[in-house]
């Protein structure tokens, strides 16, 4: 048996007097957005409260680099940057 689009019945919804007809799929989408918003709200607030970077950690790493306690290979870093960005000039 072959199923084609021609055998699919068409349904027409006529607007009722007094206003437009709302799409049935609109309610579940709005409900899931509200749920997602209420679930994610605490996490979003916590992220907004954090600084963009940890200044104390950056200072610690900078000191370690200056003292030679943290290995640094400029050639390797350059290669990784070039590989990440490709041959874009």
PDB file of N, CA and C in Angstrom:
ATOM      1  N   UNK A   1       0.844  -1.172   0.000  1.00  0.00           N
ATOM      2  CA  UNK A   1       0.000   0.000   0.000  1.00  0.00           C
ATOM      3  C   UNK A   1       0.886   1.231   0.000  1.00  0.00           C
ATOM      4  N   UNK A   2       0.592   2.187  -0.834  1.00  0.00           N
ATOM      5  CA  UNK A   2       1.361   3.407  -0.944  1.00  0.00           C
ATOM      6  C   UNK A   2       0.554   4.557  -0.359  1.00  0.00           C
ATOM      7  N   UNK A   3       1.189   5.337   0.488  1.00  0.00           N
ATOM      8  CA  UNK A   3       0.515   6.483   1.091  1.00  0.00           C
ATOM      9  C   UNK A   3       1.012   7.730   0.380  1.00  0.00           C
ATOM     10  N   UNK A   4       0.080   8.531  -0.082  1.00  0.00           N
ATOM     11  CA  UNK A   4       0.442   9.772  -0.757  1.00  0.00           C
ATOM     12  C   UNK A   4      -0.247  10.929  -0.065  1.00  0.00           C
ATOM     13  N   UNK A   5       0.210  12.117  -0.349  1.00  0.00           N
ATOM     14  CA  UNK A   5      -0.389  13.311   0.232  1.00  0.00           C
ATOM     15  C   UNK A   5      -1.806  13.540  -0.251  1.00  0.00           C
ATOM     16  N   UNK A   6      -2.166  12.951  -1.385  1.00  0.00           N
ATOM     17  CA  UNK A   6      -3.503  13.169  -1.946  1.00  0.00           C
ATOM     18  C   UNK A   6      -4.587  12.541  -1.083  1.00  0.00           C
ATOM     19  N   UNK A   7      -4.236  11.497  -0.319  1.00  0.00           N
ATOM     20  CA  UNK A   7      -5.252  10.840   0.486  1.00  0.00           C
ATOM     21  C   UNK A   7      -5.428  11.493   1.854  1.00  0.00           C
ATOM     22  N   UNK A   8      -4.581  12.488   2.164  1.00  0.00           N
ATOM     23  CA  UNK A   8      -4.689  13.168   3.446  1.00  0.00           C
ATOM     24  C   UNK A   8      -5.878  14.121   3.418  1.00  0.00           C
ATOM     25  N   UNK A   9      -6.796  14.001   4.390  1.00  0.00           N
ATOM     26  CA  UNK A   9      -7.950  14.899   4.393  1.00  0.00           C
ATOM     27  C   UNK A   9      -7.520  16.312   4.759  1.00  0.00           C
ATOM     28  N   UNK A  10      -8.196  17.287   4.180  1.00  0.00           N
ATOM     29  CA  UNK A  10      -7.893  18.670   4.529  1.00  0.00           C
ATOM     30  C   UNK A  10      -8.919  19.146   5.547  1.00  0.00           C
ATOM     31  N   UNK A  11      -8.460  19.913   6.510  1.00  0.00           N
ATOM     32  CA  UNK A  11      -9.328  20.420   7.557  1.00  0.00           C
ATOM     33  C   UNK A  11      -9.303  21.934   7.477  1.00  0.00           C
ATOM     34  N   UNK A  12     -10.457  22.534   7.466  1.00  0.00           N
ATOM     35  CA  UNK A  12     -10.555  23.983   7.430  1.00  0.00           C
ATOM     36  C   UNK A  12     -11.221  24.449   8.717  1.00  0.00           C
ATOM     37  N   UNK A  13     -10.597  25.410   9.380  1.00  0.00           N
ATOM     38  CA  UNK A  13     -11.170  25.964  10.601  1.00  0.00           C
ATOM     39  C   UNK A  13     -11.653  27.369  10.275  1.00  0.00           C
ATOM     40  N   UNK A  14     -12.922  27.570  10.455  1.00  0.00           N
ATOM     41  CA  UNK A  14     -13.493  28.883  10.175  1.00  0.00           C
ATOM     42  C   UNK A  14     -13.498  29.701  11.458  1.00  0.00           C
ATOM     43  N   UNK A  15     -13.169  30.988  11.378  1.00  0.00           N
ATOM     44  CA  UNK A  15     -13.193  31.827  12.571  1.00  0.00           C
ATOM     45  C   UNK A  15     -14.626  32.000  13.076  1.00  0.00           C
ATOM     46  N   UNK A  16     -14.740  32.039  14.390  1.00  0.00           N
ATOM     47  CA  UNK A  16     -16.045  32.265  14.987  1.00  0.00           C
ATOM     48  C   UNK A  16     -16.313  33.761  15.036  1.00  0.00           C
ATOM     49  N   UNK A  17     -17.558  34.102  15.138  1.00  0.00           N
ATOM     50  CA  UNK A  17     -17.920  35.515  15.240  1.00  0.00           C
ATOM     51  C   UNK A  17     -17.368  36.073  16.539  1.00  0.00           C
ATOM     52  N   UNK A  18     -16.797  37.244  16.473  1.00  0.00           N
ATOM     53  CA  UNK A  18     -16.306  37.885  17.685  1.00  0.00           C
ATOM     54  C   UNK A  18     -14.798  37.841  17.849  1.00  0.00           C
ATOM     55  N   UNK A  19     -14.069  37.213  16.962  1.00  0.00           N
ATOM     56  CA  UNK A  19     -12.620  37.238  17.096  1.00  0.00           C
ATOM     57  C   UNK A  19     -11.935  36.152  16.306  1.00  0.00           C
ATOM     58  N   UNK A  20     -10.622  36.241  16.206  1.00  0.00           N
ATOM     59  CA  UNK A  20      -9.855  35.256  15.445  1.00  0.00           C
ATOM     60  C   UNK A  20      -9.719  33.950  16.212  1.00  0.00           C
ATOM     61  N   UNK A  21      -9.397  32.891  15.476  1.00  0.00           N
ATOM     62  CA  UNK A  21      -9.189  31.580  16.069  1.00  0.00           C
ATOM     63  C   UNK A  21      -7.705  31.439  16.374  1.00  0.00           C
ATOM     64  N   UNK A  22      -7.372  31.035  17.598  1.00  0.00           N
ATOM     65  CA  UNK A  22      -5.980  30.837  17.975  1.00  0.00           C
ATOM     66  C   UNK A  22      -5.516  29.480  17.467  1.00  0.00           C
ATOM     67  N   UNK A  23      -4.272  29.405  17.062  1.00  0.00           N
ATOM     68  CA  UNK A  23      -3.699  28.149  16.595  1.00  0.00           C
ATOM     69  C   UNK A  23      -3.553  27.201  17.769  1.00  0.00           C
ATOM     70  N   UNK A  24      -3.909  25.937  17.613  1.00  0.00           N
ATOM     71  CA  UNK A  24      -3.834  25.002  18.733  1.00  0.00           C
ATOM     72  C   UNK A  24      -2.421  24.775  19.251  1.00  0.00           C
ATOM     73  N   UNK A  25      -1.397  24.902  18.410  1.00  0.00           N
ATOM     74  CA  UNK A  25      -0.025  24.639  18.843  1.00  0.00           C
ATOM     75  C   UNK A  25       0.561  25.795  19.634  1.00  0.00           C
ATOM     76  N   UNK A  26      -0.071  26.950  19.669  1.00  0.00           N
ATOM     77  CA  UNK A  26       0.494  28.114  20.338  1.00  0.00           C
ATOM     78  C   UNK A  26       0.541  27.925  21.855  1.00  0.00           C
ATOM     79  N   UNK A  27      -0.429  27.306  22.445  1.00  0.00           N
ATOM     80  CA  UNK A  27      -0.468  27.155  23.894  1.00  0.00           C
ATOM     81  C   UNK A  27       0.669  26.282  24.422  1.00  0.00           C
ATOM     82  N   UNK A  28       0.953  25.093  23.847  1.00  0.00           N
ATOM     83  CA  UNK A  28       2.062  24.287  24.379  1.00  0.00           C
ATOM     84  C   UNK A  28       3.413  24.979  24.257  1.00  0.00           C
ATOM     85  N   UNK A  29       3.637  25.718  23.193  1.00  0.00           N
ATOM     86  CA  UNK A  29       4.910  26.409  23.027  1.00  0.00           C
ATOM     87  C   UNK A  29       5.062  27.465  24.106  1.00  0.00           C
ATOM     88  N   UNK A  30       4.017  28.254  24.339  1.00  0.00           N
ATOM     89  CA  UNK A  30       4.081  29.295  25.357  1.00  0.00           C
ATOM     90  C   UNK A  30       4.266  28.682  26.737  1.00  0.00           C
ATOM     91  N   UNK A  31       3.611  27.571  27.014  1.00  0.00           N
ATOM     92  CA  UNK A  31       3.741  26.916  28.311  1.00  0.00           C
ATOM     93  C   UNK A  31       5.160  26.393  28.513  1.00  0.00           C
ATOM     94  N   UNK A  32       5.763  25.803  27.480  1.00  0.00           N
ATOM     95  CA  UNK A  32       7.125  25.288  27.623  1.00  0.00           C
ATOM     96  C   UNK A  32       8.127  26.426  27.778  1.00  0.00           C
ATOM     97  N   UNK A  33       7.893  27.556  27.115  1.00  0.00           N
ATOM     98  CA  UNK A  33       8.774  28.709  27.266  1.00  0.00           C
ATOM     99  C   UNK A  33       8.689  29.256  28.682  1.00  0.00           C
ATOM    100  N   UNK A  34       7.489  29.308  29.252  1.00  0.00           N
ATOM    101  CA  UNK A  34       7.331  29.792  30.609  1.00  0.00           C
ATOM    102  C   UNK A  34       8.022  28.847  31.593  1.00  0.00           C
ATOM    103  N   UNK A  35       7.880  27.543  31.392  1.00  0.00           N
ATOM    104  CA  UNK A  35       8.527  26.562  32.255  1.00  0.00           C
ATOM    105  C   UNK A  35      10.041  26.686  32.148  1.00  0.00           C
ATOM    106  N   UNK A  36      10.527  26.781  30.926  1.00  0.00           N
ATOM    107  CA  UNK A  36      11.964  26.907  30.719  1.00  0.00           C
ATOM    108  C   UNK A  36      12.482  28.169  31.393  1.00  0.00           C
ATOM    109  N   UNK A  37      11.753  29.237  31.258  1.00  0.00           N
ATOM    110  CA  UNK A  37      12.160  30.502  31.845  1.00  0.00           C
ATOM    111  C   UNK A  37      12.229  30.399  33.369  1.00  0.00           C
ATOM    112  N   UNK A  38      11.221  29.783  33.980  1.00  0.00           N
ATOM    113  CA  UNK A  38      11.213  29.686  35.442  1.00  0.00           C
ATOM    114  C   UNK A  38      12.276  28.718  35.939  1.00  0.00           C
ATOM    115  N   UNK A  39      12.599  27.705  35.161  1.00  0.00           N
ATOM    116  CA  UNK A  39      13.627  26.743  35.553  1.00  0.00           C
ATOM    117  C   UNK A  39      15.015  27.350  35.394  1.00  0.00           C
ATOM    118  N   UNK A  40      15.237  28.078  34.332  1.00  0.00           N
ATOM    119  CA  UNK A  40      16.556  28.640  34.054  1.00  0.00           C
ATOM    120  C   UNK A  40      16.826  29.970  34.739  1.00  0.00           C
ATOM    121  N   UNK A  41      15.803  30.619  35.249  1.00  0.00           N
ATOM    122  CA  UNK A  41      15.957  31.948  35.845  1.00  0.00           C
ATOM    123  C   UNK A  41      17.030  31.990  36.941  1.00  0.00           C
ATOM    124  N   UNK A  42      17.042  31.057  37.909  1.00  0.00           N
ATOM    125  CA  UNK A  42      18.086  31.117  38.944  1.00  0.00           C
ATOM    126  C   UNK A  42      19.498  30.970  38.366  1.00  0.00           C
ATOM    127  N   UNK A  43      19.662  30.093  37.390  1.00  0.00           N
ATOM    128  CA  UNK A  43      20.987  29.904  36.788  1.00  0.00           C
ATOM    129  C   UNK A  43      21.421  31.144  36.028  1.00  0.00           C
ATOM    130  N   UNK A  44      20.496  31.761  35.297  1.00  0.00           N
ATOM    131  CA  UNK A  44      20.834  32.975  34.558  1.00  0.00           C
ATOM    132  C   UNK A  44      21.214  34.100  35.509  1.00  0.00           C
ATOM    133  N   UNK A  45      20.507  34.217  36.616  1.00  0.00           N
ATOM    134  CA  UNK A  45      20.826  35.251  37.602  1.00  0.00           C
ATOM    135  C   UNK A  45      22.203  35.014  38.205  1.00  0.00           C
ATOM    136  N   UNK A  46      22.514  33.763  38.516  1.00  0.00           N
ATOM    137  CA  UNK A  46      23.820  33.440  39.089  1.00  0.00           C
ATOM    138  C   UNK A  46      24.945  33.743  38.111  1.00  0.00           C
ATOM    139  N   UNK A  47      24.737  33.436  36.834  1.00  0.00           N
ATOM    140  CA  UNK A  47      25.756  33.727  35.826  1.00  0.00           C
ATOM    141  C   UNK A  47      25.974  35.225  35.658  1.00  0.00           C
ATOM    142  N   UNK A  48      24.893  35.991  35.718  1.00  0.00           N
ATOM    143  CA  UNK A  48      25.017  37.449  35.585  1.00  0.00           C
ATOM    144  C   UNK A  48      25.769  38.051  36.759  1.00  0.00           C
ATOM    145  N   UNK A  49      25.697  37.422  37.922  1.00  0.00           N
ATOM    146  CA  UNK A  49      26.378  37.935  39.106  1.00  0.00           C
ATOM    147  C   UNK A  49      27.878  37.667  39.081  1.00  0.00           C
ATOM    148  N   UNK A  50      28.322  36.687  38.294  1.00  0.00           N
ATOM    149  CA  UNK A  50      29.736  36.348  38.219  1.00  0.00           C
ATOM    150  C   UNK A  50      30.491  37.363  37.368  1.00  0.00           C
ATOM    151  N   UNK A  51      31.759  37.618  37.697  1.00  0.00           N
ATOM    152  CA  UNK A  51      32.563  38.499  36.838  1.00  0.00           C
ATOM    153  C   UNK A  51      32.876  37.794  35.519  1.00  0.00           C
ATOM    154  N   UNK A  52      33.274  38.564  34.524  1.00  0.00           N
ATOM    155  CA  UNK A  52      33.601  37.990  33.223  1.00  0.00           C
ATOM    156  C   UNK A  52      34.812  37.062  33.306  1.00  0.00           C
ATOM    157  N   UNK A  53      35.732  37.343  34.234  1.00  0.00           N
ATOM    158  CA  UNK A  53      36.899  36.495  34.436  1.00  0.00           C
ATOM    159  C   UNK A  53      37.314  36.582  35.897  1.00  0.00           C
ATOM    160  N   UNK A  54      38.118  35.629  36.323  1.00  0.00           N
ATOM    161  CA  UNK A  54      38.592  35.565  37.701  1.00  0.00           C
ATOM    162  C   UNK A  54      39.924  36.313  37.774  1.00  0.00           C
ATOM    163  N   UNK A  55      39.882  37.557  38.211  1.00  0.00           N
ATOM    164  CA  UNK A  55      41.074  38.398  38.238  1.00  0.00           C
ATOM    165  C   UNK A  55      42.154  37.815  39.146  1.00  0.00           C
ATOM    166  N   UNK A  56      41.765  37.215  40.255  1.00  0.00           N
ATOM    167  CA  UNK A  56      42.745  36.631  41.170  1.00  0.00           C
ATOM    168  C   UNK A  56      43.471  35.462  40.505  1.00  0.00           C
ATOM    169  N   UNK A  57      42.728  34.646  39.765  1.00  0.00           N
ATOM    170  CA  UNK A  57      43.330  33.496  39.077  1.00  0.00           C
ATOM    171  C   UNK A  57      44.267  33.966  37.964  1.00  0.00           C
ATOM    172  N   UNK A  58      43.885  35.016  37.259  1.00  0.00           N
ATOM    173  CA  UNK A  58      44.739  35.566  36.202  1.00  0.00           C
ATOM    174  C   UNK A  58      46.039  36.072  36.807  1.00  0.00           C
ATOM    175  N   UNK A  59      45.964  36.770  37.926  1.00  0.00           N
ATOM    176  CA  UNK A  59      47.170  37.271  38.591  1.00  0.00           C
ATOM    177  C   UNK A  59      48.055  36.112  39.053  1.00  0.00           C
ATOM    178  N   UNK A  60      47.434  35.059  39.583  1.00  0.00           N
ATOM    179  CA  UNK A  60      48.174  33.880  40.023  1.00  0.00           C
ATOM    180  C   UNK A  60      48.917  33.232  38.854  1.00  0.00           C
ATOM    181  N   UNK A  61      48.237  33.072  37.727  1.00  0.00           N
ATOM    182  CA  UNK A  61      48.869  32.478  36.546  1.00  0.00           C
ATOM    183  C   UNK A  61      49.965  33.381  35.985  1.00  0.00           C
ATOM    184  N   UNK A  62      49.742  34.678  35.989  1.00  0.00           N
ATOM    185  CA  UNK A  62      50.743  35.626  35.498  1.00  0.00           C
ATOM    186  C   UNK A  62      52.018  35.527  36.341  1.00  0.00           C
ATOM    187  N   UNK A  63      51.848  35.468  37.666  1.00  0.00           N
ATOM    188  CA  UNK A  63      53.005  35.339  38.556  1.00  0.00           C
ATOM    189  C   UNK A  63      53.746  34.031  38.308  1.00  0.00           C
ATOM    190  N   UNK A  64      52.996  32.942  38.139  1.00  0.00           N
ATOM    191  CA  UNK A  64      53.618  31.644  37.890  1.00  0.00           C
ATOM    192  C   UNK A  64      54.403  31.652  36.583  1.00  0.00           C
ATOM    193  N   UNK A  65      53.879  32.310  35.558  1.00  0.00           N
ATOM    194  CA  UNK A  65      54.599  32.422  34.284  1.00  0.00           C
ATOM    195  C   UNK A  65      55.881  33.221  34.463  1.00  0.00           C
ATOM    196  N   UNK A  66      55.814  34.327  35.176  1.00  0.00           N
ATOM    197  CA  UNK A  66      56.991  35.166  35.384  1.00  0.00           C
ATOM    198  C   UNK A  66      58.074  34.448  36.177  1.00  0.00           C
ATOM    199  N   UNK A  67      57.673  33.595  37.122  1.00  0.00           N
ATOM    200  CA  UNK A  67      58.627  32.852  37.946  1.00  0.00           C
ATOM    201  C   UNK A  67      59.138  31.597  37.244  1.00  0.00           C
ATOM    202  N   UNK A  68      58.564  31.263  36.087  1.00  0.00           N
ATOM    203  CA  UNK A  68      58.989  30.077  35.358  1.00  0.00           C
ATOM    204  C   UNK A  68      58.396  28.789  35.920  1.00  0.00           C
ATOM    205  N   UNK A  69      57.395  28.912  36.765  1.00  0.00           N
ATOM    206  CA  UNK A  69      56.758  27.745  37.374  1.00  0.00           C
ATOM    207  C   UNK A  69      55.720  27.105  36.464  1.00  0.00           C
ATOM    208  N   UNK A  70      55.321  27.808  35.452  1.00  0.00           N
ATOM    209  CA  UNK A  70      54.309  27.329  34.525  1.00  0.00           C
ATOM    210  C   UNK A  70      54.932  27.287  33.135  1.00  0.00           C
ATOM    211  N   UNK A  71      55.011  26.102  32.542  1.00  0.00           N
ATOM    212  CA  UNK A  71      55.647  26.024  31.217  1.00  0.00           C
ATOM    213  C   UNK A  71      54.811  26.754  30.165  1.00  0.00           C
ATOM    214  N   UNK A  72      55.515  27.424  29.265  1.00  0.00           N
ATOM    215  CA  UNK A  72      54.835  28.147  28.190  1.00  0.00           C
ATOM    216  C   UNK A  72      55.626  27.959  26.912  1.00  0.00           C
ATOM    217  N   UNK A  73      54.955  27.487  25.880  1.00  0.00           N
ATOM    218  CA  UNK A  73      55.582  27.263  24.586  1.00  0.00           C
ATOM    219  C   UNK A  73      54.883  28.170  23.571  1.00  0.00           C
ATOM    220  N   UNK A  74      55.526  29.293  23.277  1.00  0.00           N
ATOM    221  CA  UNK A  74      54.930  30.278  22.367  1.00  0.00           C
ATOM    222  C   UNK A  74      54.712  29.687  20.976  1.00  0.00           C
ATOM    223  N   UNK A  75      55.608  28.857  20.519  1.00  0.00           N
ATOM    224  CA  UNK A  75      55.473  28.227  19.201  1.00  0.00           C
ATOM    225  C   UNK A  75      54.255  27.314  19.143  1.00  0.00           C
ATOM    226  N   UNK A  76      54.054  26.547  20.210  1.00  0.00           N
ATOM    227  CA  UNK A  76      52.879  25.664  20.257  1.00  0.00           C
ATOM    228  C   UNK A  76      51.594  26.480  20.276  1.00  0.00           C
ATOM    229  N   UNK A  77      51.583  27.566  21.082  1.00  0.00           N
ATOM    230  CA  UNK A  77      50.405  28.427  21.138  1.00  0.00           C
ATOM    231  C   UNK A  77      50.113  29.028  19.763  1.00  0.00           C
ATOM    232  N   UNK A  78      51.144  29.498  19.079  1.00  0.00           N
ATOM    233  CA  UNK A  78      50.955  30.072  17.746  1.00  0.00           C
ATOM    234  C   UNK A  78      50.385  29.028  16.786  1.00  0.00           C
ATOM    235  N   UNK A  79      50.894  27.804  16.874  1.00  0.00           N
ATOM    236  CA  UNK A  79      50.382  26.732  16.013  1.00  0.00           C
ATOM    237  C   UNK A  79      48.921  26.423  16.292  1.00  0.00           C
ATOM    238  N   UNK A  80      48.546  26.402  17.570  1.00  0.00           N
ATOM    239  CA  UNK A  80      47.152  26.144  17.933  1.00  0.00           C
ATOM    240  C   UNK A  80      46.227  27.261  17.458  1.00  0.00           C
ATOM    241  N   UNK A  81      46.693  28.495  17.587  1.00  0.00           N
ATOM    242  CA  UNK A  81      45.892  29.633  17.110  1.00  0.00           C
ATOM    243  C   UNK A  81      45.716  29.555  15.607  1.00  0.00           C
ATOM    244  N   UNK A  82      46.809  29.254  14.899  1.00  0.00           N
ATOM    245  CA  UNK A  82      46.740  29.152  13.442  1.00  0.00           C
ATOM    246  C   UNK A  82      45.821  28.014  13.020  1.00  0.00           C
ATOM    247  N   UNK A  83      45.899  26.878  13.705  1.00  0.00           N
ATOM    248  CA  UNK A  83      45.036  25.744  13.380  1.00  0.00           C
ATOM    249  C   UNK A  83      43.570  26.079  13.643  1.00  0.00           C
ATOM    250  N   UNK A  84      43.303  26.796  14.752  1.00  0.00           N
ATOM    251  CA  UNK A  84      41.937  27.158  15.094  1.00  0.00           C
ATOM    252  C   UNK A  84      41.339  28.093  14.048  1.00  0.00           C
ATOM    253  N   UNK A  85      42.099  29.093  13.655  1.00  0.00           N
ATOM    254  CA  UNK A  85      41.597  30.099  12.713  1.00  0.00           C
ATOM    255  C   UNK A  85      41.813  29.704  11.250  1.00  0.00           C
ATOM    256  N   UNK A  86      42.524  28.640  11.015  1.00  0.00           N
ATOM    257  CA  UNK A  86      42.782  28.214   9.653  1.00  0.00           C
ATOM    258  C   UNK A  86      43.736  29.148   8.947  1.00  0.00           C
ATOM    259  N   UNK A  87      43.637  29.218   7.662  1.00  0.00           N
ATOM    260  CA  UNK A  87      44.550  30.072   6.900  1.00  0.00           C
ATOM    261  C   UNK A  87      43.930  31.422   6.594  1.00  0.00           C
ATOM    262  N   UNK A  88      42.979  31.846   7.434  1.00  0.00           N
ATOM    263  CA  UNK A  88      42.358  33.158   7.230  1.00  0.00           C
ATOM    264  C   UNK A  88      43.383  34.229   7.508  1.00  0.00           C
ATOM    265  N   UNK A  89      43.477  35.191   6.642  1.00  0.00           N
ATOM    266  CA  UNK A  89      44.490  36.205   6.804  1.00  0.00           C
ATOM    267  C   UNK A  89      43.921  37.467   7.151  1.00  0.00           C
TER     268      UNK A  89
END
